[in-house]
Amino acid sequence: MTVLELNILDWLQSSMRTPVGDALMPVITAFADKGIGWILLTFAFLLRFRTRRIGITLLLAICIEILLCNILLKPLVARQRPFILNPAFQLLIAAPQDYSFPSGHAAVSFACASVLWIYRSRWRFPAAVLAFIIAFSRLYLYVHFPTDVLAGAMIGVMVGVISCRILSRFKINNLCR
């Protein structure tokens, strides 16, 4: 499977790499570095009474995603990143130091996009598009295998749904709408 995935990544590099992509993809992927962009968005939702329930759900989803992907699965699976297996590739970003599977960028992005989708937030479409672009950026930048990104996206959707289910069971009316 790894050979096939390296071939897919090499094909992406030979057929889709452009100077514009080389400039944009590091910026796009940086939005989800350590979840910072999604955490800032979460705080924006937490600040407004009307959107606080969404903010609380986003915060829960981010915490579950970190626990599941970064603390549990990455060390357990311990999959090397593609640029380590293909050292000839020149990275456009600093080399990530953790393991590859699953993609935390894809997981947190799809978790947050799923929460916004379920709550029917007006931000659901931009969040979904951003989640897909961030996931693609991880392939473009050669820091994840396709199955890392796919698994991260699937875990993210699952975490988003579970977070919404958990919060739907709690009455937090005095905190939010």
C-alpha atoms as a PDB file:
ATOM      1  CA  MET A   1       0.000   0.000   0.000  1.00  0.00           C
ATOM      2  CA  THR A   2       2.820   2.426   0.844  1.00  0.00           C
ATOM      3  CA  VAL A   3       4.362   2.069  -2.632  1.00  0.00           C
ATOM      4  CA  LEU A   4       1.009   2.807  -4.285  1.00  0.00           C
ATOM      5  CA  GLU A   5       0.503   5.818  -2.039  1.00  0.00           C
ATOM      6  CA  LEU A   6       3.994   7.140  -2.785  1.00  0.00           C
ATOM      7  CA  ASN A   7       3.189   6.770  -6.490  1.00  0.00           C
ATOM      8  CA  ILE A   8      -0.012   8.793  -5.975  1.00  0.00           C
ATOM      9  CA  LEU A   9       1.921  11.514  -4.138  1.00  0.00           C
ATOM     10  CA  ASP A  10       4.605  11.562  -6.836  1.00  0.00           C
ATOM     11  CA  TRP A  11       1.893  11.860  -9.498  1.00  0.00           C
ATOM     12  CA  LEU A  12       0.359  14.796  -7.595  1.00  0.00           C
ATOM     13  CA  GLN A  13       3.773  16.455  -7.506  1.00  0.00           C
ATOM     14  CA  SER A  14       4.425  15.965 -11.216  1.00  0.00           C
ATOM     15  CA  SER A  15       0.960  16.921 -12.453  1.00  0.00           C
ATOM     16  CA  MET A  16      -0.445  19.474  -9.995  1.00  0.00           C
ATOM     17  CA  ARG A  17       2.489  21.354  -8.537  1.00  0.00           C
ATOM     18  CA  THR A  18       2.599  25.036  -9.491  1.00  0.00           C
ATOM     19  CA  PRO A  19       4.340  28.162  -8.179  1.00  0.00           C
ATOM     20  CA  VAL A  20       0.952  29.454  -6.971  1.00  0.00           C
ATOM     21  CA  GLY A  21       0.273  26.171  -5.168  1.00  0.00           C
ATOM     22  CA  ASP A  22       3.767  26.239  -3.687  1.00  0.00           C
ATOM     23  CA  ALA A  23       2.995  29.672  -2.236  1.00  0.00           C
ATOM     24  CA  LEU A  24      -0.598  28.978  -1.109  1.00  0.00           C
ATOM     25  CA  MET A  25      -0.486  25.461   0.308  1.00  0.00           C
ATOM     26  CA  PRO A  26       1.901  26.235   3.187  1.00  0.00           C
ATOM     27  CA  VAL A  27      -0.369  29.144   4.201  1.00  0.00           C
ATOM     28  CA  ILE A  28      -3.494  26.984   3.970  1.00  0.00           C
ATOM     29  CA  THR A  29      -1.974  24.147   5.974  1.00  0.00           C
ATOM     30  CA  ALA A  30      -0.714  26.636   8.593  1.00  0.00           C
ATOM     31  CA  PHE A  31      -4.347  27.488   9.436  1.00  0.00           C
ATOM     32  CA  ALA A  32      -4.676  24.044  11.014  1.00  0.00           C
ATOM     33  CA  ASP A  33      -1.174  23.819  12.528  1.00  0.00           C
ATOM     34  CA  LYS A  34      -1.762  22.690  16.109  1.00  0.00           C
ATOM     35  CA  GLY A  35      -5.440  23.435  15.400  1.00  0.00           C
ATOM     36  CA  ILE A  36      -4.779  27.155  15.915  1.00  0.00           C
ATOM     37  CA  GLY A  37      -7.106  28.463  13.199  1.00  0.00           C
ATOM     38  CA  TRP A  38      -9.938  26.220  14.354  1.00  0.00           C
ATOM     39  CA  ILE A  39      -9.308  27.112  18.002  1.00  0.00           C
ATOM     40  CA  LEU A  40      -9.507  30.832  17.174  1.00  0.00           C
ATOM     41  CA  LEU A  41     -12.758  30.216  15.307  1.00  0.00           C
ATOM     42  CA  THR A  42     -14.044  28.294  18.328  1.00  0.00           C
ATOM     43  CA  PHE A  43     -13.309  31.232  20.623  1.00  0.00           C
ATOM     44  CA  ALA A  44     -15.152  33.548  18.236  1.00  0.00           C
ATOM     45  CA  PHE A  45     -18.214  31.296  18.585  1.00  0.00           C
ATOM     46  CA  LEU A  46     -17.785  31.134  22.373  1.00  0.00           C
ATOM     47  CA  LEU A  47     -17.775  34.923  22.709  1.00  0.00           C
ATOM     48  CA  ARG A  48     -21.311  35.378  21.391  1.00  0.00           C
ATOM     49  CA  PHE A  49     -24.223  34.147  23.470  1.00  0.00           C
ATOM     50  CA  ARG A  50     -26.123  33.176  20.325  1.00  0.00           C
ATOM     51  CA  THR A  51     -23.357  30.904  19.033  1.00  0.00           C
ATOM     52  CA  ARG A  52     -21.935  29.674  22.340  1.00  0.00           C
ATOM     53  CA  ARG A  53     -23.438  26.172  22.029  1.00  0.00           C
ATOM     54  CA  ILE A  54     -21.626  25.774  18.711  1.00  0.00           C
ATOM     55  CA  GLY A  55     -18.423  27.052  20.335  1.00  0.00           C
ATOM     56  CA  ILE A  56     -18.713  24.583  23.210  1.00  0.00           C
ATOM     57  CA  THR A  57     -19.318  21.759  20.740  1.00  0.00           C
ATOM     58  CA  LEU A  58     -16.333  22.825  18.632  1.00  0.00           C
ATOM     59  CA  LEU A  59     -14.163  22.906  21.750  1.00  0.00           C
ATOM     60  CA  LEU A  60     -15.290  19.406  22.711  1.00  0.00           C
ATOM     61  CA  ALA A  61     -14.631  18.138  19.161  1.00  0.00           C
ATOM     62  CA  ILE A  62     -11.126  19.625  19.128  1.00  0.00           C
ATOM     63  CA  CYS A  63     -10.325  18.063  22.518  1.00  0.00           C
ATOM     64  CA  ILE A  64     -11.603  14.634  21.439  1.00  0.00           C
ATOM     65  CA  GLU A  65      -9.680  14.874  18.162  1.00  0.00           C
ATOM     66  CA  ILE A  66      -6.422  15.741  19.938  1.00  0.00           C
ATOM     67  CA  LEU A  67      -6.881  12.886  22.390  1.00  0.00           C
ATOM     68  CA  LEU A  68      -7.854  10.341  19.741  1.00  0.00           C
ATOM     69  CA  CYS A  69      -5.469  11.247  16.913  1.00  0.00           C
ATOM     70  CA  ASN A  70      -2.425  12.923  18.404  1.00  0.00           C
ATOM     71  CA  ILE A  71      -2.189  11.225  21.786  1.00  0.00           C
ATOM     72  CA  LEU A  72      -3.606   7.761  21.066  1.00  0.00           C
ATOM     73  CA  LEU A  73      -3.466   6.772  17.371  1.00  0.00           C
ATOM     74  CA  LYS A  74      -0.299   8.448  16.048  1.00  0.00           C
ATOM     75  CA  PRO A  75       2.051   6.802  18.598  1.00  0.00           C
ATOM     76  CA  LEU A  76       0.129   3.526  18.411  1.00  0.00           C
ATOM     77  CA  VAL A  77       0.352   3.220  14.607  1.00  0.00           C
ATOM     78  CA  ALA A  78       3.761   4.973  14.380  1.00  0.00           C
ATOM     79  CA  ARG A  79       3.653   5.384  10.597  1.00  0.00           C
ATOM     80  CA  GLN A  80       6.564   7.249   9.054  1.00  0.00           C
ATOM     81  CA  ARG A  81       5.834  10.239   6.871  1.00  0.00           C
ATOM     82  CA  PRO A  82       6.243  10.037   3.087  1.00  0.00           C
ATOM     83  CA  PHE A  83       9.125  12.524   2.927  1.00  0.00           C
ATOM     84  CA  ILE A  84      11.105  10.215   5.234  1.00  0.00           C
ATOM     85  CA  LEU A  85      10.575   7.305   2.835  1.00  0.00           C
ATOM     86  CA  ASN A  86      11.436   9.532  -0.137  1.00  0.00           C
ATOM     87  CA  PRO A  87      14.290  11.719   1.151  1.00  0.00           C
ATOM     88  CA  ALA A  88      14.883  13.201  -2.317  1.00  0.00           C
ATOM     89  CA  PHE A  89      11.717  15.285  -1.942  1.00  0.00           C
ATOM     90  CA  GLN A  90      12.278  18.908  -0.908  1.00  0.00           C
ATOM     91  CA  LEU A  91       9.638  20.047   1.598  1.00  0.00           C
ATOM     92  CA  LEU A  92       8.010  23.474   1.338  1.00  0.00           C
ATOM     93  CA  ILE A  93       7.359  23.576   5.100  1.00  0.00           C
ATOM     94  CA  ALA A  94       9.265  22.558   8.204  1.00  0.00           C
ATOM     95  CA  ALA A  95       9.320  18.788   8.550  1.00  0.00           C
ATOM     96  CA  PRO A  96       6.657  17.612  11.017  1.00  0.00           C
ATOM     97  CA  GLN A  97       8.218  15.692  13.902  1.00  0.00           C
ATOM     98  CA  ASP A  98       5.312  13.422  14.811  1.00  0.00           C
ATOM     99  CA  TYR A  99       3.954  10.360  13.034  1.00  0.00           C
ATOM    100  CA  SER A 100       1.826  10.402   9.923  1.00  0.00           C
ATOM    101  CA  PHE A 101      -1.310   8.339  10.638  1.00  0.00           C
ATOM    102  CA  PRO A 102      -3.909   9.757  10.909  1.00  0.00           C
ATOM    103  CA  SER A 103      -3.696  13.322   9.631  1.00  0.00           C
ATOM    104  CA  GLY A 104      -4.438  15.605  12.561  1.00  0.00           C
ATOM    105  CA  HIS A 105      -4.937  18.528  10.172  1.00  0.00           C
ATOM    106  CA  ALA A 106      -7.647  16.619   8.294  1.00  0.00           C
ATOM    107  CA  ALA A 107      -9.195  15.303  11.512  1.00  0.00           C
ATOM    108  CA  VAL A 108      -9.531  18.668  13.258  1.00  0.00           C
ATOM    109  CA  SER A 109     -10.709  20.355  10.056  1.00  0.00           C
ATOM    110  CA  PHE A 110     -13.408  17.796   9.339  1.00  0.00           C
ATOM    111  CA  ALA A 111     -14.430  17.627  13.009  1.00  0.00           C
ATOM    112  CA  CYS A 112     -15.031  21.373  13.087  1.00  0.00           C
ATOM    113  CA  ALA A 113     -16.653  21.463   9.652  1.00  0.00           C
ATOM    114  CA  SER A 114     -18.977  18.618  10.711  1.00  0.00           C
ATOM    115  CA  VAL A 115     -20.041  20.462  13.861  1.00  0.00           C
ATOM    116  CA  LEU A 116     -20.794  23.590  11.838  1.00  0.00           C
ATOM    117  CA  TRP A 117     -22.663  21.501   9.268  1.00  0.00           C
ATOM    118  CA  ILE A 118     -24.804  19.737  11.874  1.00  0.00           C
ATOM    119  CA  TYR A 119     -25.682  23.039  13.558  1.00  0.00           C
ATOM    120  CA  ARG A 120     -26.488  24.498  10.125  1.00  0.00           C
ATOM    121  CA  SER A 121     -24.195  27.418  10.778  1.00  0.00           C
ATOM    122  CA  ARG A 122     -23.876  29.964   8.014  1.00  0.00           C
ATOM    123  CA  TRP A 123     -20.163  29.067   8.131  1.00  0.00           C
ATOM    124  CA  ARG A 124     -20.781  25.416   7.236  1.00  0.00           C
ATOM    125  CA  PHE A 125     -20.025  25.719   3.507  1.00  0.00           C
ATOM    126  CA  PRO A 126     -16.802  27.738   3.897  1.00  0.00           C
ATOM    127  CA  ALA A 127     -15.697  25.377   6.698  1.00  0.00           C
ATOM    128  CA  ALA A 128     -16.358  22.304   4.549  1.00  0.00           C
ATOM    129  CA  VAL A 129     -14.449  23.767   1.601  1.00  0.00           C
ATOM    130  CA  LEU A 130     -11.594  24.765   3.900  1.00  0.00           C
ATOM    131  CA  ALA A 131     -11.489  21.261   5.412  1.00  0.00           C
ATOM    132  CA  PHE A 132     -11.123  19.707   1.946  1.00  0.00           C
ATOM    133  CA  ILE A 133      -8.454  22.223   0.911  1.00  0.00           C
ATOM    134  CA  ILE A 134      -6.485  21.709   4.141  1.00  0.00           C
ATOM    135  CA  ALA A 135      -6.678  17.934   3.672  1.00  0.00           C
ATOM    136  CA  PHE A 136      -5.451  18.286   0.075  1.00  0.00           C
ATOM    137  CA  SER A 137      -2.638  20.589   1.215  1.00  0.00           C
ATOM    138  CA  ARG A 138      -1.226  17.774   3.344  1.00  0.00           C
ATOM    139  CA  LEU A 139      -0.877  15.631   0.209  1.00  0.00           C
ATOM    140  CA  TYR A 140       0.437  18.511  -1.886  1.00  0.00           C
ATOM    141  CA  LEU A 141       3.078  19.248   0.744  1.00  0.00           C
ATOM    142  CA  TYR A 142       4.111  15.557   0.830  1.00  0.00           C
ATOM    143  CA  VAL A 143       3.679  15.258   4.595  1.00  0.00           C
ATOM    144  CA  HIS A 144       0.885  12.651   4.587  1.00  0.00           C
ATOM    145  CA  PHE A 145      -0.107   9.574   2.648  1.00  0.00           C
ATOM    146  CA  PRO A 146      -3.592   9.560   1.078  1.00  0.00           C
ATOM    147  CA  THR A 147      -4.852   7.013   3.633  1.00  0.00           C
ATOM    148  CA  ASP A 148      -3.626   9.262   6.473  1.00  0.00           C
ATOM    149  CA  VAL A 149      -5.756  12.101   5.143  1.00  0.00           C
ATOM    150  CA  LEU A 150      -8.743   9.873   4.402  1.00  0.00           C
ATOM    151  CA  ALA A 151      -8.621   8.337   7.883  1.00  0.00           C
ATOM    152  CA  GLY A 152      -8.210  11.782   9.451  1.00  0.00           C
ATOM    153  CA  ALA A 153     -11.239  13.092   7.559  1.00  0.00           C
ATOM    154  CA  MET A 154     -13.357  10.090   8.555  1.00  0.00           C
ATOM    155  CA  ILE A 155     -12.289  10.341  12.195  1.00  0.00           C
ATOM    156  CA  GLY A 156     -12.996  14.070  12.102  1.00  0.00           C
ATOM    157  CA  VAL A 157     -16.541  13.595  10.830  1.00  0.00           C
ATOM    158  CA  MET A 158     -17.133  10.911  13.450  1.00  0.00           C
ATOM    159  CA  VAL A 159     -15.770  13.167  16.213  1.00  0.00           C
ATOM    160  CA  GLY A 160     -17.938  16.054  15.016  1.00  0.00           C
ATOM    161  CA  VAL A 161     -21.076  13.912  15.083  1.00  0.00           C
ATOM    162  CA  ILE A 162     -20.245  12.427  18.494  1.00  0.00           C
ATOM    163  CA  SER A 163     -19.528  15.877  19.935  1.00  0.00           C
ATOM    164  CA  CYS A 164     -22.898  17.160  18.731  1.00  0.00           C
ATOM    165  CA  ARG A 165     -24.618  14.101  20.225  1.00  0.00           C
ATOM    166  CA  ILE A 166     -22.900  14.563  23.572  1.00  0.00           C
ATOM    167  CA  LEU A 167     -23.784  18.260  23.795  1.00  0.00           C
ATOM    168  CA  SER A 168     -27.380  17.646  22.718  1.00  0.00           C
ATOM    169  CA  ARG A 169     -27.880  15.685  25.946  1.00  0.00           C
ATOM    170  CA  PHE A 170     -26.946  18.602  28.183  1.00  0.00           C
ATOM    171  CA  LYS A 171     -29.109  21.554  29.107  1.00  0.00           C
ATOM    172  CA  ILE A 172     -26.801  24.528  29.053  1.00  0.00           C
ATOM    173  CA  ASN A 173     -29.437  27.178  28.473  1.00  0.00           C
ATOM    174  CA  ASN A 174     -28.038  29.586  31.052  1.00  0.00           C
ATOM    175  CA  LEU A 175     -24.713  29.596  29.180  1.00  0.00           C
ATOM    176  CA  CYS A 176     -26.019  29.790  25.654  1.00  0.00           C
ATOM    177  CA  ARG A 177     -28.986  29.675  23.357  1.00  0.00           C
END
